[in-house]
C-alpha atoms as a PDB file:
ATOM      1  CA  UNK A   1     157.752-218.270 116.519  1.00  0.00           C
ATOM      2  CA  UNK A   2     157.642-217.394 112.845  1.00  0.00           C
ATOM      3  CA  UNK A   3     154.424-218.508 112.331  1.00  0.00           C
ATOM      4  CA  UNK A   4     152.961-217.185 115.158  1.00  0.00           C
ATOM      5  CA  UNK A   5     154.022-214.134 114.045  1.00  0.00           C
ATOM      6  CA  UNK A   6     152.039-214.551 110.573  1.00  0.00           C
ATOM      7  CA  UNK A   7     149.601-216.138 112.437  1.00  0.00           C
ATOM      8  CA  UNK A   8     149.293-212.245 114.393  1.00  0.00           C
ATOM      9  CA  UNK A   9     150.134-210.390 111.515  1.00  0.00           C
ATOM     10  CA  UNK A  10     146.817-212.580 109.426  1.00  0.00           C
ATOM     11  CA  UNK A  11     144.514-211.812 113.057  1.00  0.00           C
ATOM     12  CA  UNK A  12     145.325-208.634 113.154  1.00  0.00           C
ATOM     13  CA  UNK A  13     144.665-208.008 109.001  1.00  0.00           C
ATOM     14  CA  UNK A  14     141.521-210.426 108.990  1.00  0.00           C
ATOM     15  CA  UNK A  15     140.573-207.358 112.428  1.00  0.00           C
ATOM     16  CA  UNK A  16     141.608-204.175 110.697  1.00  0.00           C
ATOM     17  CA  UNK A  17     139.023-205.051 107.729  1.00  0.00           C
ATOM     18  CA  UNK A  18     136.416-205.696 109.353  1.00  0.00           C
ATOM     19  CA  UNK A  19     136.051-203.190 111.360  1.00  0.00           C
ATOM     20  CA  UNK A  20     137.090-201.004 108.123  1.00  0.00           C
ATOM     21  CA  UNK A  21     134.172-203.356 106.535  1.00  0.00           C
ATOM     22  CA  UNK A  22     131.621-201.914 109.003  1.00  0.00           C
ATOM     23  CA  UNK A  23     132.852-198.532 109.179  1.00  0.00           C
ATOM     24  CA  UNK A  24     132.472-198.244 105.508  1.00  0.00           C
ATOM     25  CA  UNK A  25     129.136-199.496 105.813  1.00  0.00           C
ATOM     26  CA  UNK A  26     128.607-196.765 108.553  1.00  0.00           C
ATOM     27  CA  UNK A  27     128.711-194.359 106.880  1.00  0.00           C
ATOM     28  CA  UNK A  28     127.714-195.808 103.944  1.00  0.00           C
ATOM     29  CA  UNK A  29     124.300-196.017 105.678  1.00  0.00           C
ATOM     30  CA  UNK A  30     124.725-192.107 107.369  1.00  0.00           C
ATOM     31  CA  UNK A  31     124.299-191.427 103.408  1.00  0.00           C
ATOM     32  CA  UNK A  32     121.358-193.003 102.475  1.00  0.00           C
ATOM     33  CA  UNK A  33     119.848-190.354 105.190  1.00  0.00           C
ATOM     34  CA  UNK A  34     121.441-187.501 104.108  1.00  0.00           C
ATOM     35  CA  UNK A  35     119.074-185.204 102.112  1.00  0.00           C
ATOM     36  CA  UNK A  36     120.688-182.254  99.677  1.00  0.00           C
ATOM     37  CA  UNK A  37     118.734-179.204 100.655  1.00  0.00           C
ATOM     38  CA  UNK A  38     118.276-176.673  98.180  1.00  0.00           C
ATOM     39  CA  UNK A  39     119.811-173.388  99.244  1.00  0.00           C
ATOM     40  CA  UNK A  40     120.695-169.513  98.321  1.00  0.00           C
ATOM     41  CA  UNK A  41     122.991-167.837  99.793  1.00  0.00           C
ATOM     42  CA  UNK A  42     123.132-163.402  99.190  1.00  0.00           C
ATOM     43  CA  UNK A  43     123.054-159.949 100.918  1.00  0.00           C
ATOM     44  CA  UNK A  44     121.450-156.630 100.753  1.00  0.00           C
ATOM     45  CA  UNK A  45     121.283-153.741 103.588  1.00  0.00           C
ATOM     46  CA  UNK A  46     119.182-151.893 105.268  1.00  0.00           C
ATOM     47  CA  UNK A  47     118.697-148.306 106.167  1.00  0.00           C
ATOM     48  CA  UNK A  48     117.288-147.301 108.955  1.00  0.00           C
ATOM     49  CA  UNK A  49     116.444-142.697 109.263  1.00  0.00           C
ATOM     50  CA  UNK A  50     115.495-142.148 112.871  1.00  0.00           C
ATOM     51  CA  UNK A  51     112.129-140.283 113.038  1.00  0.00           C
ATOM     52  CA  UNK A  52     111.403-141.205 109.188  1.00  0.00           C
ATOM     53  CA  UNK A  53     111.406-145.371 108.423  1.00  0.00           C
ATOM     54  CA  UNK A  54     112.090-146.177 112.388  1.00  0.00           C
ATOM     55  CA  UNK A  55     109.578-144.496 115.767  1.00  0.00           C
ATOM     56  CA  UNK A  56     110.818-144.828 119.062  1.00  0.00           C
ATOM     57  CA  UNK A  57     107.003-146.317 120.261  1.00  0.00           C
ATOM     58  CA  UNK A  58     107.176-146.440 124.574  1.00  0.00           C
ATOM     59  CA  UNK A  59     110.593-145.342 125.147  1.00  0.00           C
ATOM     60  CA  UNK A  60     112.207-146.821 128.442  1.00  0.00           C
ATOM     61  CA  UNK A  61     113.488-146.561 131.810  1.00  0.00           C
ATOM     62  CA  UNK A  62     116.576-144.560 132.963  1.00  0.00           C
ATOM     63  CA  UNK A  63     119.936-145.755 131.948  1.00  0.00           C
ATOM     64  CA  UNK A  64     121.558-145.271 129.034  1.00  0.00           C
ATOM     65  CA  UNK A  65     120.320-142.340 126.590  1.00  0.00           C
ATOM     66  CA  UNK A  66     119.068-142.464 122.924  1.00  0.00           C
ATOM     67  CA  UNK A  67     121.581-143.049 120.168  1.00  0.00           C
ATOM     68  CA  UNK A  68     122.629-143.963 117.185  1.00  0.00           C
ATOM     69  CA  UNK A  69     123.682-147.436 119.289  1.00  0.00           C
ATOM     70  CA  UNK A  70     121.419-146.727 122.178  1.00  0.00           C
ATOM     71  CA  UNK A  71     118.284-146.982 123.689  1.00  0.00           C
ATOM     72  CA  UNK A  72     116.825-146.943 127.579  1.00  0.00           C
ATOM     73  CA  UNK A  73     115.961-150.509 128.977  1.00  0.00           C
ATOM     74  CA  UNK A  74     112.611-151.520 127.683  1.00  0.00           C
ATOM     75  CA  UNK A  75     112.631-149.136 125.138  1.00  0.00           C
ATOM     76  CA  UNK A  76     109.753-149.986 122.105  1.00  0.00           C
ATOM     77  CA  UNK A  77     110.411-148.325 118.679  1.00  0.00           C
ATOM     78  CA  UNK A  78     108.714-150.090 114.905  1.00  0.00           C
ATOM     79  CA  UNK A  79     110.486-149.608 111.672  1.00  0.00           C
ATOM     80  CA  UNK A  80     109.852-149.833 107.803  1.00  0.00           C
ATOM     81  CA  UNK A  81     112.433-149.937 106.608  1.00  0.00           C
ATOM     82  CA  UNK A  82     114.494-150.691 102.777  1.00  0.00           C
ATOM     83  CA  UNK A  83     115.912-153.447 101.670  1.00  0.00           C
ATOM     84  CA  UNK A  84     119.017-152.242  98.687  1.00  0.00           C
ATOM     85  CA  UNK A  85     121.103-153.799  96.530  1.00  0.00           C
ATOM     86  CA  UNK A  86     124.142-151.225  97.824  1.00  0.00           C
ATOM     87  CA  UNK A  87     125.589-150.056 100.584  1.00  0.00           C
ATOM     88  CA  UNK A  88     123.627-146.973  98.626  1.00  0.00           C
ATOM     89  CA  UNK A  89     120.695-145.884 100.376  1.00  0.00           C
ATOM     90  CA  UNK A  90     120.214-144.518  96.208  1.00  0.00           C
ATOM     91  CA  UNK A  91     121.237-148.252  95.140  1.00  0.00           C
ATOM     92  CA  UNK A  92     117.994-149.903  94.095  1.00  0.00           C
ATOM     93  CA  UNK A  93     115.338-151.059  96.601  1.00  0.00           C
ATOM     94  CA  UNK A  94     114.546-155.099  96.576  1.00  0.00           C
ATOM     95  CA  UNK A  95     112.596-155.126  99.806  1.00  0.00           C
ATOM     96  CA  UNK A  96     111.440-153.520 102.536  1.00  0.00           C
ATOM     97  CA  UNK A  97     112.100-155.146 106.830  1.00  0.00           C
ATOM     98  CA  UNK A  98     109.652-154.176 108.800  1.00  0.00           C
ATOM     99  CA  UNK A  99     108.985-154.988 112.580  1.00  0.00           C
ATOM    100  CA  UNK A 100     109.750-154.571 116.399  1.00  0.00           C
ATOM    101  CA  UNK A 101     112.373-154.061 119.255  1.00  0.00           C
ATOM    102  CA  UNK A 102     111.838-153.921 122.611  1.00  0.00           C
ATOM    103  CA  UNK A 103     115.896-152.814 124.757  1.00  0.00           C
ATOM    104  CA  UNK A 104     116.496-156.229 126.594  1.00  0.00           C
ATOM    105  CA  UNK A 105     119.595-155.345 128.694  1.00  0.00           C
ATOM    106  CA  UNK A 106     120.651-152.519 130.762  1.00  0.00           C
ATOM    107  CA  UNK A 107     123.255-151.455 128.735  1.00  0.00           C
ATOM    108  CA  UNK A 108     120.932-150.451 125.722  1.00  0.00           C
ATOM    109  CA  UNK A 109     123.183-152.447 123.000  1.00  0.00           C
ATOM    110  CA  UNK A 110     120.587-155.181 122.395  1.00  0.00           C
ATOM    111  CA  UNK A 111     117.636-155.894 122.296  1.00  0.00           C
ATOM    112  CA  UNK A 112     114.897-158.440 120.881  1.00  0.00           C
ATOM    113  CA  UNK A 113     113.480-157.883 117.320  1.00  0.00           C
ATOM    114  CA  UNK A 114     110.628-159.973 115.686  1.00  0.00           C
ATOM    115  CA  UNK A 115     111.050-158.906 111.334  1.00  0.00           C
ATOM    116  CA  UNK A 116     109.069-159.149 108.501  1.00  0.00           C
ATOM    117  CA  UNK A 117     111.088-158.925 105.723  1.00  0.00           C
ATOM    118  CA  UNK A 118     109.304-159.067 102.252  1.00  0.00           C
ATOM    119  CA  UNK A 119     111.713-159.673  98.878  1.00  0.00           C
ATOM    120  CA  UNK A 120     110.692-158.619  95.877  1.00  0.00           C
ATOM    121  CA  UNK A 121     113.500-159.908  93.657  1.00  0.00           C
ATOM    122  CA  UNK A 122     113.642-161.023  90.084  1.00  0.00           C
ATOM    123  CA  UNK A 123     113.814-165.050  91.096  1.00  0.00           C
ATOM    124  CA  UNK A 124     112.469-164.731  94.754  1.00  0.00           C
ATOM    125  CA  UNK A 125     109.227-163.066  95.548  1.00  0.00           C
ATOM    126  CA  UNK A 126     106.851-163.478  98.893  1.00  0.00           C
ATOM    127  CA  UNK A 127     108.471-162.819 102.703  1.00  0.00           C
ATOM    128  CA  UNK A 128     110.547-163.227 106.412  1.00  0.00           C
ATOM    129  CA  UNK A 129     109.996-164.048 109.230  1.00  0.00           C
ATOM    130  CA  UNK A 130     112.573-163.365 111.738  1.00  0.00           C
ATOM    131  CA  UNK A 131     113.478-162.958 115.181  1.00  0.00           C
ATOM    132  CA  UNK A 132     115.793-162.927 117.821  1.00  0.00           C
ATOM    133  CA  UNK A 133     118.219-160.934 119.846  1.00  0.00           C
ATOM    134  CA  UNK A 134     120.466-158.113 118.469  1.00  0.00           C
ATOM    135  CA  UNK A 135     123.714-156.509 119.220  1.00  0.00           C
ATOM    136  CA  UNK A 136     123.788-152.932 117.744  1.00  0.00           C
ATOM    137  CA  UNK A 137     127.094-152.376 117.352  1.00  0.00           C
ATOM    138  CA  UNK A 138     127.846-155.925 116.808  1.00  0.00           C
ATOM    139  CA  UNK A 139     126.713-159.008 113.742  1.00  0.00           C
ATOM    140  CA  UNK A 140     123.737-161.383 115.444  1.00  0.00           C
ATOM    141  CA  UNK A 141     122.091-163.758 114.367  1.00  0.00           C
ATOM    142  CA  UNK A 142     118.625-164.778 113.374  1.00  0.00           C
ATOM    143  CA  UNK A 143     116.907-167.367 112.915  1.00  0.00           C
ATOM    144  CA  UNK A 144     113.022-167.739 109.945  1.00  0.00           C
ATOM    145  CA  UNK A 145     111.168-169.731 111.857  1.00  0.00           C
ATOM    146  CA  UNK A 146     108.915-168.757 108.842  1.00  0.00           C
ATOM    147  CA  UNK A 147     108.246-167.341 105.147  1.00  0.00           C
ATOM    148  CA  UNK A 148     105.575-167.359 102.652  1.00  0.00           C
ATOM    149  CA  UNK A 149     105.645-167.475  98.512  1.00  0.00           C
ATOM    150  CA  UNK A 150     108.288-168.658  97.821  1.00  0.00           C
ATOM    151  CA  UNK A 151     109.779-168.757 100.299  1.00  0.00           C
ATOM    152  CA  UNK A 152     107.597-170.629 101.913  1.00  0.00           C
ATOM    153  CA  UNK A 153     108.939-173.673 104.774  1.00  0.00           C
ATOM    154  CA  UNK A 154     112.524-172.000 104.429  1.00  0.00           C
ATOM    155  CA  UNK A 155     114.756-172.698 106.434  1.00  0.00           C
ATOM    156  CA  UNK A 156     117.792-171.378 107.838  1.00  0.00           C
ATOM    157  CA  UNK A 157     119.366-168.041 109.205  1.00  0.00           C
ATOM    158  CA  UNK A 158     119.891-164.422 108.873  1.00  0.00           C
ATOM    159  CA  UNK A 159     122.641-162.234 110.155  1.00  0.00           C
ATOM    160  CA  UNK A 160     122.171-158.337 110.371  1.00  0.00           C
ATOM    161  CA  UNK A 161     125.823-156.422 110.755  1.00  0.00           C
ATOM    162  CA  UNK A 162     126.404-152.987 111.239  1.00  0.00           C
ATOM    163  CA  UNK A 163     127.624-151.269 108.486  1.00  0.00           C
ATOM    164  CA  UNK A 164     127.611-147.827 109.325  1.00  0.00           C
ATOM    165  CA  UNK A 165     126.085-146.195 112.280  1.00  0.00           C
ATOM    166  CA  UNK A 166     127.102-142.203 112.142  1.00  0.00           C
ATOM    167  CA  UNK A 167     124.461-140.030 111.107  1.00  0.00           C
ATOM    168  CA  UNK A 168     120.646-139.942 111.686  1.00  0.00           C
ATOM    169  CA  UNK A 169     120.762-143.131 109.057  1.00  0.00           C
ATOM    170  CA  UNK A 170     122.380-146.804 109.785  1.00  0.00           C
ATOM    171  CA  UNK A 171     122.803-149.059 107.581  1.00  0.00           C
ATOM    172  CA  UNK A 172     123.367-152.836 108.490  1.00  0.00           C
ATOM    173  CA  UNK A 173     124.300-155.473 106.396  1.00  0.00           C
ATOM    174  CA  UNK A 174     121.675-158.074 106.310  1.00  0.00           C
ATOM    175  CA  UNK A 175     123.622-162.315 104.960  1.00  0.00           C
ATOM    176  CA  UNK A 176     120.775-164.587 103.801  1.00  0.00           C
ATOM    177  CA  UNK A 177     121.068-168.305 104.998  1.00  0.00           C
ATOM    178  CA  UNK A 178     118.307-169.966 103.657  1.00  0.00           C
ATOM    179  CA  UNK A 179     116.903-173.866 102.601  1.00  0.00           C
ATOM    180  CA  UNK A 180     114.714-175.386 102.099  1.00  0.00           C
ATOM    181  CA  UNK A 181     113.934-179.091 103.200  1.00  0.00           C
ATOM    182  CA  UNK A 182     113.153-181.422 100.048  1.00  0.00           C
ATOM    183  CA  UNK A 183     109.527-181.136 100.177  1.00  0.00           C
ATOM    184  CA  UNK A 184     109.366-177.803  99.826  1.00  0.00           C
ATOM    185  CA  UNK A 185     110.802-175.849  96.388  1.00  0.00           C
ATOM    186  CA  UNK A 186     110.480-172.514  95.890  1.00  0.00           C
ATOM    187  CA  UNK A 187     108.565-171.071  92.581  1.00  0.00           C
ATOM    188  CA  UNK A 188     111.338-169.875  90.949  1.00  0.00           C
ATOM    189  CA  UNK A 189     114.416-172.226  91.273  1.00  0.00           C
ATOM    190  CA  UNK A 190     118.026-170.180  90.046  1.00  0.00           C
END
């Protein structure tokens, strides 16, 4: 009986060792194929002023009236807004967000946006193109679909969050989460 228990314990130990060894090999194998990506994360602020940096081009169909947060379904507007380092519109301008947006929800709170973000920062210069759905009063993630200059081949996403929706100028916090694949290295690495 004691010999059988000892043999059973030995087999259990041997089986556990083999399984752990296979798991370690699997994990090690996985790491060999995982490449570390160059990335940067930063925040800027977009300032949009109706009839100064943003214009309504086509008024949508009947629905909610136009306000700081809603536009009628089908409304098309274009914008060329400054991007600053701080929420204050008088802070240093380091870029421009220019694009179009079409109201895509019947309640007037959501739109489909395409934006070219041109950046002129100390270590990075170029543009990032994003596209996606925007909610006018909640944070929205937009995938990066391309880039130029130092942002050539960049991947990632941009999060747009409303900061101040009162008054004629609305302010959005724009958070950048950018990654370069191993074959594309920015010309001005930090």
